[in-house]
Amino acid sequence: MGEEKDIEDKVQQSISNSLMIANAYGYIANQITPPCAKDIEDYFGLSHPSISGVLKGLEQKKFIAFQCDEEDRRCRRILLLPK
């Protein structure tokens, strides 16, 4: 019984992570101006560590890249890469 619950929890976590990744990617794709992580955090009401993890994964898989904002050096704009 306990093992089944552990497996179910892992599946739920995996689904939740996949949805968060898909939502973040969709948000980025639909913006006229490339957003910053803070824009995504505010839109979805998620924490900075949650969004940072999602963005790091997308960057490692070469779906996105970061570019420093010329006007606000604290902001790294998120750019979609061609796939």
C-alpha atoms as a PDB file:
ATOM      1  CA  MET A   1       0.000   0.000   0.000  1.00  0.00           C
ATOM      2  CA  GLY A   2       2.758   2.470   0.935  1.00  0.00           C
ATOM      3  CA  GLU A   3       4.735   1.685  -2.222  1.00  0.00           C
ATOM      4  CA  GLU A   4       1.701   2.380  -4.400  1.00  0.00           C
ATOM      5  CA  LYS A   5       1.238   5.753  -2.683  1.00  0.00           C
ATOM      6  CA  ASP A   6       4.914   6.633  -3.312  1.00  0.00           C
ATOM      7  CA  ILE A   7       4.547   5.766  -7.002  1.00  0.00           C
ATOM      8  CA  GLU A   8       1.323   7.761  -7.245  1.00  0.00           C
ATOM      9  CA  ASP A   9       2.992  10.769  -5.606  1.00  0.00           C
ATOM     10  CA  LYS A  10       5.927  10.582  -8.047  1.00  0.00           C
ATOM     11  CA  VAL A  11       3.574  10.399 -11.030  1.00  0.00           C
ATOM     12  CA  GLN A  12       1.579  13.391  -9.740  1.00  0.00           C
ATOM     13  CA  GLN A  13       4.792  15.383  -9.207  1.00  0.00           C
ATOM     14  CA  SER A  14       5.987  14.519 -12.714  1.00  0.00           C
ATOM     15  CA  ILE A  15       2.675  15.619 -14.237  1.00  0.00           C
ATOM     16  CA  SER A  16       2.732  18.833 -12.209  1.00  0.00           C
ATOM     17  CA  ASN A  17       6.291  19.615 -13.365  1.00  0.00           C
ATOM     18  CA  SER A  18       5.396  18.902 -16.996  1.00  0.00           C
ATOM     19  CA  LEU A  19       2.385  21.208 -16.822  1.00  0.00           C
ATOM     20  CA  MET A  20       4.457  23.974 -15.229  1.00  0.00           C
ATOM     21  CA  ILE A  21       7.049  23.651 -18.022  1.00  0.00           C
ATOM     22  CA  ALA A  22       4.377  23.692 -20.736  1.00  0.00           C
ATOM     23  CA  ASN A  23       2.616  26.694 -19.195  1.00  0.00           C
ATOM     24  CA  ALA A  24       5.846  28.675 -18.837  1.00  0.00           C
ATOM     25  CA  TYR A  25       6.870  27.885 -22.428  1.00  0.00           C
ATOM     26  CA  GLY A  26       3.425  28.875 -23.724  1.00  0.00           C
ATOM     27  CA  TYR A  27       3.546  32.127 -21.779  1.00  0.00           C
ATOM     28  CA  ILE A  28       6.978  32.991 -23.196  1.00  0.00           C
ATOM     29  CA  ALA A  29       5.864  32.125 -26.742  1.00  0.00           C
ATOM     30  CA  ASN A  30       2.837  34.424 -26.562  1.00  0.00           C
ATOM     31  CA  GLN A  31       4.604  37.575 -25.373  1.00  0.00           C
ATOM     32  CA  ILE A  32       5.422  40.412 -27.763  1.00  0.00           C
ATOM     33  CA  THR A  33       8.403  41.501 -25.658  1.00  0.00           C
ATOM     34  CA  PRO A  34      10.525  38.665 -24.262  1.00  0.00           C
ATOM     35  CA  PRO A  35       9.607  38.334 -20.581  1.00  0.00           C
ATOM     36  CA  CYS A  36      11.795  38.128 -17.487  1.00  0.00           C
ATOM     37  CA  ALA A  37      11.457  35.366 -14.902  1.00  0.00           C
ATOM     38  CA  LYS A  38       9.652  37.867 -12.640  1.00  0.00           C
ATOM     39  CA  ASP A  39       6.936  38.305 -15.282  1.00  0.00           C
ATOM     40  CA  ILE A  40       6.287  34.561 -15.285  1.00  0.00           C
ATOM     41  CA  GLU A  41       6.377  34.386 -11.476  1.00  0.00           C
ATOM     42  CA  ASP A  42       3.804  37.167 -11.229  1.00  0.00           C
ATOM     43  CA  TYR A  43       1.539  35.775 -13.957  1.00  0.00           C
ATOM     44  CA  PHE A  44       1.336  32.271 -12.475  1.00  0.00           C
ATOM     45  CA  GLY A  45       1.725  33.259  -8.819  1.00  0.00           C
ATOM     46  CA  LEU A  46       4.681  30.911  -8.398  1.00  0.00           C
ATOM     47  CA  SER A  47       7.864  31.307  -6.392  1.00  0.00           C
ATOM     48  CA  HIS A  48      11.190  32.353  -7.837  1.00  0.00           C
ATOM     49  CA  PRO A  49      12.817  28.940  -7.107  1.00  0.00           C
ATOM     50  CA  SER A  50       9.997  27.126  -8.929  1.00  0.00           C
ATOM     51  CA  ILE A  51      10.292  29.261 -12.052  1.00  0.00           C
ATOM     52  CA  SER A  52      14.104  29.224 -11.921  1.00  0.00           C
ATOM     53  CA  GLY A  53      14.061  25.429 -11.987  1.00  0.00           C
ATOM     54  CA  VAL A  54      11.682  25.354 -14.932  1.00  0.00           C
ATOM     55  CA  LEU A  55      13.728  27.900 -16.875  1.00  0.00           C
ATOM     56  CA  LYS A  56      16.999  26.156 -16.106  1.00  0.00           C
ATOM     57  CA  GLY A  57      15.569  22.921 -17.521  1.00  0.00           C
ATOM     58  CA  LEU A  58      14.331  24.674 -20.668  1.00  0.00           C
ATOM     59  CA  GLU A  59      17.727  26.324 -21.094  1.00  0.00           C
ATOM     60  CA  GLN A  60      19.614  23.032 -20.691  1.00  0.00           C
ATOM     61  CA  LYS A  61      17.385  21.449 -23.329  1.00  0.00           C
ATOM     62  CA  LYS A  62      18.088  24.427 -25.627  1.00  0.00           C
ATOM     63  CA  PHE A  63      14.470  25.619 -25.799  1.00  0.00           C
ATOM     64  CA  ILE A  64      15.300  29.076 -24.412  1.00  0.00           C
ATOM     65  CA  ALA A  65      18.234  31.436 -23.943  1.00  0.00           C
ATOM     66  CA  PHE A  66      18.725  34.447 -21.699  1.00  0.00           C
ATOM     67  CA  GLN A  67      19.707  37.947 -22.781  1.00  0.00           C
ATOM     68  CA  CYS A  68      20.468  40.843 -20.427  1.00  0.00           C
ATOM     69  CA  ASP A  69      18.027  43.729 -20.659  1.00  0.00           C
ATOM     70  CA  GLU A  70      19.855  46.893 -21.720  1.00  0.00           C
ATOM     71  CA  GLU A  71      17.703  49.146 -19.527  1.00  0.00           C
ATOM     72  CA  ASP A  72      17.469  46.938 -16.423  1.00  0.00           C
ATOM     73  CA  ARG A  73      20.557  44.803 -15.783  1.00  0.00           C
ATOM     74  CA  ARG A  74      18.656  42.815 -13.110  1.00  0.00           C
ATOM     75  CA  CYS A  75      16.329  41.455 -15.783  1.00  0.00           C
ATOM     76  CA  ARG A  76      17.424  38.666 -18.085  1.00  0.00           C
ATOM     77  CA  ARG A  77      15.015  38.463 -21.011  1.00  0.00           C
ATOM     78  CA  ILE A  78      13.917  34.963 -21.996  1.00  0.00           C
ATOM     79  CA  LEU A  79      14.199  34.189 -25.697  1.00  0.00           C
ATOM     80  CA  LEU A  80      12.754  31.158 -27.450  1.00  0.00           C
ATOM     81  CA  LEU A  81      15.240  29.261 -29.578  1.00  0.00           C
ATOM     82  CA  PRO A  82      14.265  27.619 -32.870  1.00  0.00           C
ATOM     83  CA  LYS A  83      13.769  23.863 -32.606  1.00  0.00           C
END
